[in-house]
Amino acid sequence: MPIQTLDIENFESKAENLYEAVVIVSKRSKQINDEVKIELSKRLEPVIAKNTENDTVMNLDKLDISLEFEARQKPAHQAISDWLNGDLTFRYKEDN
């Protein structure tokens, strides 16, 4: 995957400052990563639970699932795309 440049002014324009934009995108990236981990665990659970006499079959199934997840867009890239497309919303916690 080649390196892509990012227009910082466009990135920052959707928040009050660059730091705020980076924090918002990083928190969303962590959320996406957690969702992917849960999905991967759910997909691997039946494969691992199978009692197969041939470990090669199980390893091939695990490999197929792992390759599918590796081919997906990385969480940070997805979060940045969501941010730049305006698909990401945020709010501040209320001080009590």
PDB file of N, CA and C in Angstrom:
ATOM      1  N   MET A   1       0.849  -1.170   0.000  1.00  0.00           N
ATOM      2  CA  MET A   1       0.000   0.000   0.000  1.00  0.00           C
ATOM      3  C   MET A   1       0.898   1.239   0.000  1.00  0.00           C
ATOM      4  N   PRO A   2       0.740   2.094  -0.993  1.00  0.00           N
ATOM      5  CA  PRO A   2       1.573   3.296  -1.056  1.00  0.00           C
ATOM      6  C   PRO A   2       1.165   4.314   0.006  1.00  0.00           C
ATOM      7  N   ILE A   3       2.091   5.162   0.341  1.00  0.00           N
ATOM      8  CA  ILE A   3       1.827   6.224   1.312  1.00  0.00           C
ATOM      9  C   ILE A   3       0.941   7.279   0.660  1.00  0.00           C
ATOM     10  N   GLN A   4      -0.061   7.732   1.391  1.00  0.00           N
ATOM     11  CA  GLN A   4      -0.955   8.765   0.880  1.00  0.00           C
ATOM     12  C   GLN A   4      -0.802  10.011   1.740  1.00  0.00           C
ATOM     13  N   THR A   5      -0.799  11.152   1.078  1.00  0.00           N
ATOM     14  CA  THR A   5      -0.704  12.403   1.825  1.00  0.00           C
ATOM     15  C   THR A   5      -2.076  12.792   2.345  1.00  0.00           C
ATOM     16  N   LEU A   6      -2.079  13.631   3.349  1.00  0.00           N
ATOM     17  CA  LEU A   6      -3.314  14.055   3.990  1.00  0.00           C
ATOM     18  C   LEU A   6      -3.308  15.574   4.080  1.00  0.00           C
ATOM     19  N   ASP A   7      -4.384  16.188   3.613  1.00  0.00           N
ATOM     20  CA  ASP A   7      -4.509  17.639   3.682  1.00  0.00           C
ATOM     21  C   ASP A   7      -4.844  18.022   5.121  1.00  0.00           C
ATOM     22  N   ILE A   8      -3.870  18.536   5.836  1.00  0.00           N
ATOM     23  CA  ILE A   8      -4.032  18.849   7.257  1.00  0.00           C
ATOM     24  C   ILE A   8      -5.099  19.916   7.472  1.00  0.00           C
ATOM     25  N   GLU A   9      -5.170  20.893   6.597  1.00  0.00           N
ATOM     26  CA  GLU A   9      -6.176  21.953   6.754  1.00  0.00           C
ATOM     27  C   GLU A   9      -7.584  21.383   6.654  1.00  0.00           C
ATOM     28  N   ASN A  10      -7.796  20.465   5.721  1.00  0.00           N
ATOM     29  CA  ASN A  10      -9.102  19.822   5.592  1.00  0.00           C
ATOM     30  C   ASN A  10      -9.380  18.942   6.808  1.00  0.00           C
ATOM     31  N   PHE A  11      -8.358  18.259   7.280  1.00  0.00           N
ATOM     32  CA  PHE A  11      -8.487  17.389   8.444  1.00  0.00           C
ATOM     33  C   PHE A  11      -8.867  18.199   9.683  1.00  0.00           C
ATOM     34  N   GLU A  12      -8.220  19.335   9.847  1.00  0.00           N
ATOM     35  CA  GLU A  12      -8.431  20.179  11.027  1.00  0.00           C
ATOM     36  C   GLU A  12      -9.719  20.993  10.936  1.00  0.00           C
ATOM     37  N   SER A  13     -10.223  21.239   9.747  1.00  0.00           N
ATOM     38  CA  SER A  13     -11.369  22.131   9.563  1.00  0.00           C
ATOM     39  C   SER A  13     -12.649  21.614  10.214  1.00  0.00           C
ATOM     40  N   LYS A  14     -12.729  20.343  10.477  1.00  0.00           N
ATOM     41  CA  LYS A  14     -13.938  19.759  11.049  1.00  0.00           C
ATOM     42  C   LYS A  14     -13.933  19.773  12.582  1.00  0.00           C
ATOM     43  N   ALA A  15     -12.869  20.307  13.172  1.00  0.00           N
ATOM     44  CA  ALA A  15     -12.752  20.395  14.630  1.00  0.00           C
ATOM     45  C   ALA A  15     -12.200  21.770  14.986  1.00  0.00           C
ATOM     46  N   GLU A  16     -12.135  22.050  16.274  1.00  0.00           N
ATOM     47  CA  GLU A  16     -11.629  23.353  16.708  1.00  0.00           C
ATOM     48  C   GLU A  16     -10.124  23.488  16.493  1.00  0.00           C
ATOM     49  N   ASN A  17      -9.398  22.373  16.611  1.00  0.00           N
ATOM     50  CA  ASN A  17      -7.955  22.407  16.372  1.00  0.00           C
ATOM     51  C   ASN A  17      -7.478  21.020  15.957  1.00  0.00           C
ATOM     52  N   LEU A  18      -6.244  20.947  15.556  1.00  0.00           N
ATOM     53  CA  LEU A  18      -5.681  19.695  15.056  1.00  0.00           C
ATOM     54  C   LEU A  18      -5.645  18.624  16.143  1.00  0.00           C
ATOM     55  N   TYR A  19      -5.285  18.995  17.355  1.00  0.00           N
ATOM     56  CA  TYR A  19      -5.218  18.038  18.457  1.00  0.00           C
ATOM     57  C   TYR A  19      -6.577  17.377  18.672  1.00  0.00           C
ATOM     58  N   GLU A  20      -7.634  18.178  18.673  1.00  0.00           N
ATOM     59  CA  GLU A  20      -8.980  17.643  18.872  1.00  0.00           C
ATOM     60  C   GLU A  20      -9.335  16.656  17.759  1.00  0.00           C
ATOM     61  N   ALA A  21      -9.005  16.994  16.528  1.00  0.00           N
ATOM     62  CA  ALA A  21      -9.294  16.110  15.398  1.00  0.00           C
ATOM     63  C   ALA A  21      -8.544  14.786  15.534  1.00  0.00           C
ATOM     64  N   VAL A  22      -7.284  14.855  15.939  1.00  0.00           N
ATOM     65  CA  VAL A  22      -6.483  13.639  16.100  1.00  0.00           C
ATOM     66  C   VAL A  22      -7.054  12.760  17.208  1.00  0.00           C
ATOM     67  N   VAL A  23      -7.469  13.363  18.307  1.00  0.00           N
ATOM     68  CA  VAL A  23      -8.042  12.593  19.417  1.00  0.00           C
ATOM     69  C   VAL A  23      -9.340  11.913  18.983  1.00  0.00           C
ATOM     70  N   ILE A  24     -10.186  12.637  18.275  1.00  0.00           N
ATOM     71  CA  ILE A  24     -11.462  12.079  17.820  1.00  0.00           C
ATOM     72  C   ILE A  24     -11.219  10.896  16.889  1.00  0.00           C
ATOM     73  N   VAL A  25     -10.335  11.074  15.927  1.00  0.00           N
ATOM     74  CA  VAL A  25     -10.056  10.006  14.964  1.00  0.00           C
ATOM     75  C   VAL A  25      -9.390   8.814  15.652  1.00  0.00           C
ATOM     76  N   SER A  26      -8.512   9.059  16.602  1.00  0.00           N
ATOM     77  CA  SER A  26      -7.850   7.945  17.284  1.00  0.00           C
ATOM     78  C   SER A  26      -8.830   7.152  18.141  1.00  0.00           C
ATOM     79  N   LYS A  27      -9.773   7.830  18.775  1.00  0.00           N
ATOM     80  CA  LYS A  27     -10.782   7.113  19.568  1.00  0.00           C
ATOM     81  C   LYS A  27     -11.675   6.275  18.665  1.00  0.00           C
ATOM     82  N   ARG A  28     -12.030   6.814  17.504  1.00  0.00           N
ATOM     83  CA  ARG A  28     -12.852   6.051  16.561  1.00  0.00           C
ATOM     84  C   ARG A  28     -12.064   4.860  16.016  1.00  0.00           C
ATOM     85  N   SER A  29     -10.791   5.055  15.769  1.00  0.00           N
ATOM     86  CA  SER A  29      -9.948   3.967  15.286  1.00  0.00           C
ATOM     87  C   SER A  29      -9.896   2.833  16.308  1.00  0.00           C
ATOM     88  N   LYS A  30      -9.802   3.185  17.582  1.00  0.00           N
ATOM     89  CA  LYS A  30      -9.797   2.171  18.643  1.00  0.00           C
ATOM     90  C   LYS A  30     -11.128   1.426  18.685  1.00  0.00           C
ATOM     91  N   GLN A  31     -12.240   2.150  18.508  1.00  0.00           N
ATOM     92  CA  GLN A  31     -13.553   1.504  18.472  1.00  0.00           C
ATOM     93  C   GLN A  31     -13.639   0.510  17.317  1.00  0.00           C
ATOM     94  N   ILE A  32     -13.186   0.928  16.150  1.00  0.00           N
ATOM     95  CA  ILE A  32     -13.219   0.054  14.977  1.00  0.00           C
ATOM     96  C   ILE A  32     -12.357  -1.175  15.220  1.00  0.00           C
ATOM     97  N   ASN A  33     -11.173  -0.983  15.779  1.00  0.00           N
ATOM     98  CA  ASN A  33     -10.277  -2.097  16.065  1.00  0.00           C
ATOM     99  C   ASN A  33     -10.912  -3.081  17.046  1.00  0.00           C
ATOM    100  N   ASP A  34     -11.580  -2.575  18.073  1.00  0.00           N
ATOM    101  CA  ASP A  34     -12.253  -3.446  19.037  1.00  0.00           C
ATOM    102  C   ASP A  34     -13.371  -4.243  18.368  1.00  0.00           C
ATOM    103  N   GLU A  35     -14.130  -3.599  17.473  1.00  0.00           N
ATOM    104  CA  GLU A  35     -15.200  -4.288  16.751  1.00  0.00           C
ATOM    105  C   GLU A  35     -14.632  -5.399  15.864  1.00  0.00           C
ATOM    106  N   VAL A  36     -13.514  -5.124  15.215  1.00  0.00           N
ATOM    107  CA  VAL A  36     -12.879  -6.117  14.348  1.00  0.00           C
ATOM    108  C   VAL A  36     -12.367  -7.294  15.176  1.00  0.00           C
ATOM    109  N   LYS A  37     -11.782  -7.025  16.337  1.00  0.00           N
ATOM    110  CA  LYS A  37     -11.295  -8.102  17.204  1.00  0.00           C
ATOM    111  C   LYS A  37     -12.435  -9.010  17.647  1.00  0.00           C
ATOM    112  N   ILE A  38     -13.567  -8.407  18.007  1.00  0.00           N
ATOM    113  CA  ILE A  38     -14.726  -9.196  18.428  1.00  0.00           C
ATOM    114  C   ILE A  38     -15.230 -10.051  17.274  1.00  0.00           C
ATOM    115  N   GLU A  39     -15.324  -9.450  16.089  1.00  0.00           N
ATOM    116  CA  GLU A  39     -15.786 -10.196  14.921  1.00  0.00           C
ATOM    117  C   GLU A  39     -14.831 -11.342  14.587  1.00  0.00           C
ATOM    118  N   LEU A  40     -13.528 -11.086  14.656  1.00  0.00           N
ATOM    119  CA  LEU A  40     -12.540 -12.128  14.380  1.00  0.00           C
ATOM    120  C   LEU A  40     -12.666 -13.270  15.385  1.00  0.00           C
ATOM    121  N   SER A  41     -12.836 -12.944  16.646  1.00  0.00           N
ATOM    122  CA  SER A  41     -12.988 -13.982  17.675  1.00  0.00           C
ATOM    123  C   SER A  41     -14.221 -14.833  17.422  1.00  0.00           C
ATOM    124  N   LYS A  42     -15.316 -14.175  17.043  1.00  0.00           N
ATOM    125  CA  LYS A  42     -16.550 -14.915  16.761  1.00  0.00           C
ATOM    126  C   LYS A  42     -16.388 -15.823  15.549  1.00  0.00           C
ATOM    127  N   ARG A  43     -15.650 -15.353  14.545  1.00  0.00           N
ATOM    128  CA  ARG A  43     -15.452 -16.156  13.340  1.00  0.00           C
ATOM    129  C   ARG A  43     -14.503 -17.324  13.598  1.00  0.00           C
ATOM    130  N   LEU A  44     -13.508 -17.128  14.456  1.00  0.00           N
ATOM    131  CA  LEU A  44     -12.536 -18.188  14.725  1.00  0.00           C
ATOM    132  C   LEU A  44     -13.034 -19.207  15.744  1.00  0.00           C
ATOM    133  N   GLU A  45     -13.990 -18.815  16.556  1.00  0.00           N
ATOM    134  CA  GLU A  45     -14.483 -19.692  17.619  1.00  0.00           C
ATOM    135  C   GLU A  45     -14.962 -21.051  17.097  1.00  0.00           C
ATOM    136  N   PRO A  46     -15.824 -21.110  16.064  1.00  0.00           N
ATOM    137  CA  PRO A  46     -16.259 -22.426  15.582  1.00  0.00           C
ATOM    138  C   PRO A  46     -15.119 -23.248  14.972  1.00  0.00           C
ATOM    139  N   VAL A  47     -14.170 -22.575  14.355  1.00  0.00           N
ATOM    140  CA  VAL A  47     -13.049 -23.283  13.734  1.00  0.00           C
ATOM    141  C   VAL A  47     -12.175 -23.919  14.806  1.00  0.00           C
ATOM    142  N   ILE A  48     -11.929 -23.189  15.871  1.00  0.00           N
ATOM    143  CA  ILE A  48     -11.091 -23.707  16.952  1.00  0.00           C
ATOM    144  C   ILE A  48     -11.822 -24.795  17.735  1.00  0.00           C
ATOM    145  N   ALA A  49     -13.139 -24.645  17.878  1.00  0.00           N
ATOM    146  CA  ALA A  49     -13.918 -25.599  18.659  1.00  0.00           C
ATOM    147  C   ALA A  49     -14.119 -26.929  17.932  1.00  0.00           C
ATOM    148  N   LYS A  50     -13.953 -26.918  16.608  1.00  0.00           N
ATOM    149  CA  LYS A  50     -14.130 -28.150  15.836  1.00  0.00           C
ATOM    150  C   LYS A  50     -13.114 -29.195  16.264  1.00  0.00           C
ATOM    151  N   ASN A  51     -13.599 -30.401  16.437  1.00  0.00           N
ATOM    152  CA  ASN A  51     -12.694 -31.508  16.743  1.00  0.00           C
ATOM    153  C   ASN A  51     -12.350 -32.208  15.441  1.00  0.00           C
ATOM    154  N   THR A  52     -11.302 -31.781  14.839  1.00  0.00           N
ATOM    155  CA  THR A  52     -10.874 -32.419  13.597  1.00  0.00           C
ATOM    156  C   THR A  52      -9.641 -33.252  13.867  1.00  0.00           C
ATOM    157  N   GLU A  53      -9.585 -34.353  13.175  1.00  0.00           N
ATOM    158  CA  GLU A  53      -8.413 -35.206  13.323  1.00  0.00           C
ATOM    159  C   GLU A  53      -7.233 -34.633  12.554  1.00  0.00           C
ATOM    160  N   ASN A  54      -7.563 -33.823  11.570  1.00  0.00           N
ATOM    161  CA  ASN A  54      -6.512 -33.272  10.729  1.00  0.00           C
ATOM    162  C   ASN A  54      -6.342 -31.791  11.058  1.00  0.00           C
ATOM    163  N   ASP A  55      -5.258 -31.462  11.709  1.00  0.00           N
ATOM    164  CA  ASP A  55      -4.998 -30.069  12.085  1.00  0.00           C
ATOM    165  C   ASP A  55      -4.771 -29.179  10.873  1.00  0.00           C
ATOM    166  N   THR A  56      -4.405 -29.774   9.752  1.00  0.00           N
ATOM    167  CA  THR A  56      -4.154 -28.984   8.551  1.00  0.00           C
ATOM    168  C   THR A  56      -5.423 -28.315   8.072  1.00  0.00           C
ATOM    169  N   VAL A  57      -6.548 -29.011   8.166  1.00  0.00           N
ATOM    170  CA  VAL A  57      -7.828 -28.436   7.742  1.00  0.00           C
ATOM    171  C   VAL A  57      -8.166 -27.245   8.625  1.00  0.00           C
ATOM    172  N   MET A  58      -7.990 -27.399   9.933  1.00  0.00           N
ATOM    173  CA  MET A  58      -8.279 -26.311  10.859  1.00  0.00           C
ATOM    174  C   MET A  58      -7.351 -25.128  10.596  1.00  0.00           C
ATOM    175  N   ASN A  59      -6.092 -25.409  10.358  1.00  0.00           N
ATOM    176  CA  ASN A  59      -5.143 -24.329  10.092  1.00  0.00           C
ATOM    177  C   ASN A  59      -5.472 -23.602   8.799  1.00  0.00           C
ATOM    178  N   LEU A  60      -5.940 -24.321   7.789  1.00  0.00           N
ATOM    179  CA  LEU A  60      -6.327 -23.681   6.531  1.00  0.00           C
ATOM    180  C   LEU A  60      -7.545 -22.785   6.733  1.00  0.00           C
ATOM    181  N   ASP A  61      -8.503 -23.252   7.527  1.00  0.00           N
ATOM    182  CA  ASP A  61      -9.680 -22.429   7.821  1.00  0.00           C
ATOM    183  C   ASP A  61      -9.272 -21.162   8.570  1.00  0.00           C
ATOM    184  N   LYS A  62      -8.418 -21.317   9.553  1.00  0.00           N
ATOM    185  CA  LYS A  62      -7.938 -20.151  10.308  1.00  0.00           C
ATOM    186  C   LYS A  62      -7.157 -19.205   9.405  1.00  0.00           C
ATOM    187  N   LEU A  63      -6.378 -19.762   8.508  1.00  0.00           N
ATOM    188  CA  LEU A  63      -5.595 -18.951   7.583  1.00  0.00           C
ATOM    189  C   LEU A  63      -6.505 -18.159   6.648  1.00  0.00           C
ATOM    190  N   ASP A  64      -7.547 -18.798   6.124  1.00  0.00           N
ATOM    191  CA  ASP A  64      -8.486 -18.103   5.234  1.00  0.00           C
ATOM    192  C   ASP A  64      -9.149 -16.925   5.940  1.00  0.00           C
ATOM    193  N   ILE A  65      -9.585 -17.153   7.164  1.00  0.00           N
ATOM    194  CA  ILE A  65     -10.233 -16.083   7.930  1.00  0.00           C
ATOM    195  C   ILE A  65      -9.230 -14.969   8.222  1.00  0.00           C
ATOM    196  N   SER A  66      -8.031 -15.331   8.611  1.00  0.00           N
ATOM    197  CA  SER A  66      -7.004 -14.328   8.917  1.00  0.00           C
ATOM    198  C   SER A  66      -6.647 -13.498   7.691  1.00  0.00           C
ATOM    199  N   LEU A  67      -6.526 -14.138   6.543  1.00  0.00           N
ATOM    200  CA  LEU A  67      -6.210 -13.408   5.313  1.00  0.00           C
ATOM    201  C   LEU A  67      -7.334 -12.455   4.927  1.00  0.00           C
ATOM    202  N   GLU A  68      -8.564 -12.885   5.158  1.00  0.00           N
ATOM    203  CA  GLU A  68      -9.711 -12.014   4.877  1.00  0.00           C
ATOM    204  C   GLU A  68      -9.642 -10.752   5.738  1.00  0.00           C
ATOM    205  N   PHE A  69      -9.310 -10.906   7.001  1.00  0.00           N
ATOM    206  CA  PHE A  69      -9.236  -9.755   7.900  1.00  0.00           C
ATOM    207  C   PHE A  69      -8.029  -8.874   7.587  1.00  0.00           C
ATOM    208  N   GLU A  70      -6.941  -9.470   7.146  1.00  0.00           N
ATOM    209  CA  GLU A  70      -5.761  -8.681   6.788  1.00  0.00           C
ATOM    210  C   GLU A  70      -6.002  -7.830   5.552  1.00  0.00           C
ATOM    211  N   ALA A  71      -6.873  -8.294   4.661  1.00  0.00           N
ATOM    212  CA  ALA A  71      -7.145  -7.566   3.419  1.00  0.00           C
ATOM    213  C   ALA A  71      -8.047  -6.355   3.650  1.00  0.00           C
ATOM    214  N   ARG A  72      -8.679  -6.296   4.792  1.00  0.00           N
ATOM    215  CA  ARG A  72      -9.572  -5.169   5.088  1.00  0.00           C
ATOM    216  C   ARG A  72      -8.787  -3.881   5.285  1.00  0.00           C
ATOM    217  N   GLN A  73      -9.526  -2.790   5.181  1.00  0.00           N
ATOM    218  CA  GLN A  73      -8.935  -1.476   5.420  1.00  0.00           C
ATOM    219  C   GLN A  73      -8.533  -1.378   6.899  1.00  0.00           C
ATOM    220  N   LYS A  74      -7.396  -0.807   7.159  1.00  0.00           N
ATOM    221  CA  LYS A  74      -6.910  -0.674   8.532  1.00  0.00           C
ATOM    222  C   LYS A  74      -7.805   0.287   9.315  1.00  0.00           C
ATOM    223  N   PRO A  75      -7.971   0.055  10.631  1.00  0.00           N
ATOM    224  CA  PRO A  75      -8.863   0.899  11.436  1.00  0.00           C
ATOM    225  C   PRO A  75      -8.524   2.385  11.391  1.00  0.00           C
ATOM    226  N   ALA A  76      -7.255   2.728  11.424  1.00  0.00           N
ATOM    227  CA  ALA A  76      -6.868   4.145  11.392  1.00  0.00           C
ATOM    228  C   ALA A  76      -7.258   4.782  10.062  1.00  0.00           C
ATOM    229  N   HIS A  77      -7.036   4.071   8.979  1.00  0.00           N
ATOM    230  CA  HIS A  77      -7.380   4.591   7.654  1.00  0.00           C
ATOM    231  C   HIS A  77      -8.895   4.746   7.524  1.00  0.00           C
ATOM    232  N   GLN A  78      -9.633   3.783   8.026  1.00  0.00           N
ATOM    233  CA  GLN A  78     -11.095   3.853   7.977  1.00  0.00           C
ATOM    234  C   GLN A  78     -11.608   5.025   8.811  1.00  0.00           C
ATOM    235  N   ALA A  79     -11.036   5.239   9.983  1.00  0.00           N
ATOM    236  CA  ALA A  79     -11.457   6.345  10.847  1.00  0.00           C
ATOM    237  C   ALA A  79     -11.155   7.692  10.196  1.00  0.00           C
ATOM    238  N   ILE A  80      -9.998   7.812   9.560  1.00  0.00           N
ATOM    239  CA  ILE A  80      -9.657   9.059   8.868  1.00  0.00           C
ATOM    240  C   ILE A  80     -10.613   9.298   7.707  1.00  0.00           C
ATOM    241  N   SER A  81     -10.927   8.255   6.952  1.00  0.00           N
ATOM    242  CA  SER A  81     -11.874   8.391   5.838  1.00  0.00           C
ATOM    243  C   SER A  81     -13.245   8.827   6.344  1.00  0.00           C
ATOM    244  N   ASP A  82     -13.705   8.210   7.432  1.00  0.00           N
ATOM    245  CA  ASP A  82     -14.994   8.599   8.017  1.00  0.00           C
ATOM    246  C   ASP A  82     -14.973  10.068   8.431  1.00  0.00           C
ATOM    247  N   TRP A  83     -13.885  10.505   9.029  1.00  0.00           N
ATOM    248  CA  TRP A  83     -13.743  11.884   9.492  1.00  0.00           C
ATOM    249  C   TRP A  83     -13.790  12.861   8.321  1.00  0.00           C
ATOM    250  N   LEU A  84     -13.020  12.573   7.278  1.00  0.00           N
ATOM    251  CA  LEU A  84     -12.948  13.484   6.135  1.00  0.00           C
ATOM    252  C   LEU A  84     -14.244  13.506   5.326  1.00  0.00           C
ATOM    253  N   ASN A  85     -14.984  12.387   5.314  1.00  0.00           N
ATOM    254  CA  ASN A  85     -16.256  12.325   4.586  1.00  0.00           C
ATOM    255  C   ASN A  85     -17.418  12.893   5.390  1.00  0.00           C
ATOM    256  N   GLY A  86     -17.178  13.231   6.644  1.00  0.00           N
ATOM    257  CA  GLY A  86     -18.231  13.780   7.488  1.00  0.00           C
ATOM    258  C   GLY A  86     -19.148  12.728   8.081  1.00  0.00           C
ATOM    259  N   ASP A  87     -18.729  11.468   8.049  1.00  0.00           N
ATOM    260  CA  ASP A  87     -19.544  10.375   8.586  1.00  0.00           C
ATOM    261  C   ASP A  87     -19.329  10.165  10.080  1.00  0.00           C
ATOM    262  N   LEU A  88     -18.414  10.902  10.658  1.00  0.00           N
ATOM    263  CA  LEU A  88     -18.058  10.725  12.061  1.00  0.00           C
ATOM    264  C   LEU A  88     -18.556  11.916  12.866  1.00  0.00           C
ATOM    265  N   THR A  89     -19.337  11.634  13.892  1.00  0.00           N
ATOM    266  CA  THR A  89     -19.823  12.708  14.760  1.00  0.00           C
ATOM    267  C   THR A  89     -19.226  12.519  16.149  1.00  0.00           C
ATOM    268  N   PHE A  90     -19.173  13.598  16.893  1.00  0.00           N
ATOM    269  CA  PHE A  90     -18.619  13.527  18.242  1.00  0.00           C
ATOM    270  C   PHE A  90     -19.367  14.502  19.130  1.00  0.00           C
ATOM    271  N   ARG A  91     -19.222  14.275  20.431  1.00  0.00           N
ATOM    272  CA  ARG A  91     -19.832  15.183  21.407  1.00  0.00           C
ATOM    273  C   ARG A  91     -18.925  15.231  22.622  1.00  0.00           C
ATOM    274  N   TYR A  92     -19.102  16.267  23.399  1.00  0.00           N
ATOM    275  CA  TYR A  92     -18.312  16.434  24.614  1.00  0.00           C
ATOM    276  C   TYR A  92     -19.084  15.873  25.796  1.00  0.00           C
ATOM    277  N   LYS A  93     -18.360  15.346  26.767  1.00  0.00           N
ATOM    278  CA  LYS A  93     -18.999  14.899  27.996  1.00  0.00           C
ATOM    279  C   LYS A  93     -19.460  16.124  28.765  1.00  0.00           C
ATOM    280  N   GLU A  94     -20.601  15.993  29.399  1.00  0.00           N
ATOM    281  CA  GLU A  94     -21.125  17.085  30.223  1.00  0.00           C
ATOM    282  C   GLU A  94     -20.397  17.087  31.557  1.00  0.00           C
ATOM    283  N   ASP A  95     -19.978  18.260  32.007  1.00  0.00           N
ATOM    284  CA  ASP A  95     -19.349  18.381  33.321  1.00  0.00           C
ATOM    285  C   ASP A  95     -20.442  18.433  34.378  1.00  0.00           C
ATOM    286  N   ASN A  96     -20.368  17.542  35.354  1.00  0.00           N
ATOM    287  CA  ASN A  96     -21.378  17.507  36.424  1.00  0.00           C
ATOM    288  C   ASN A  96     -20.775  17.944  37.726  1.00  0.00           C
TER     289      ASN A  96
END
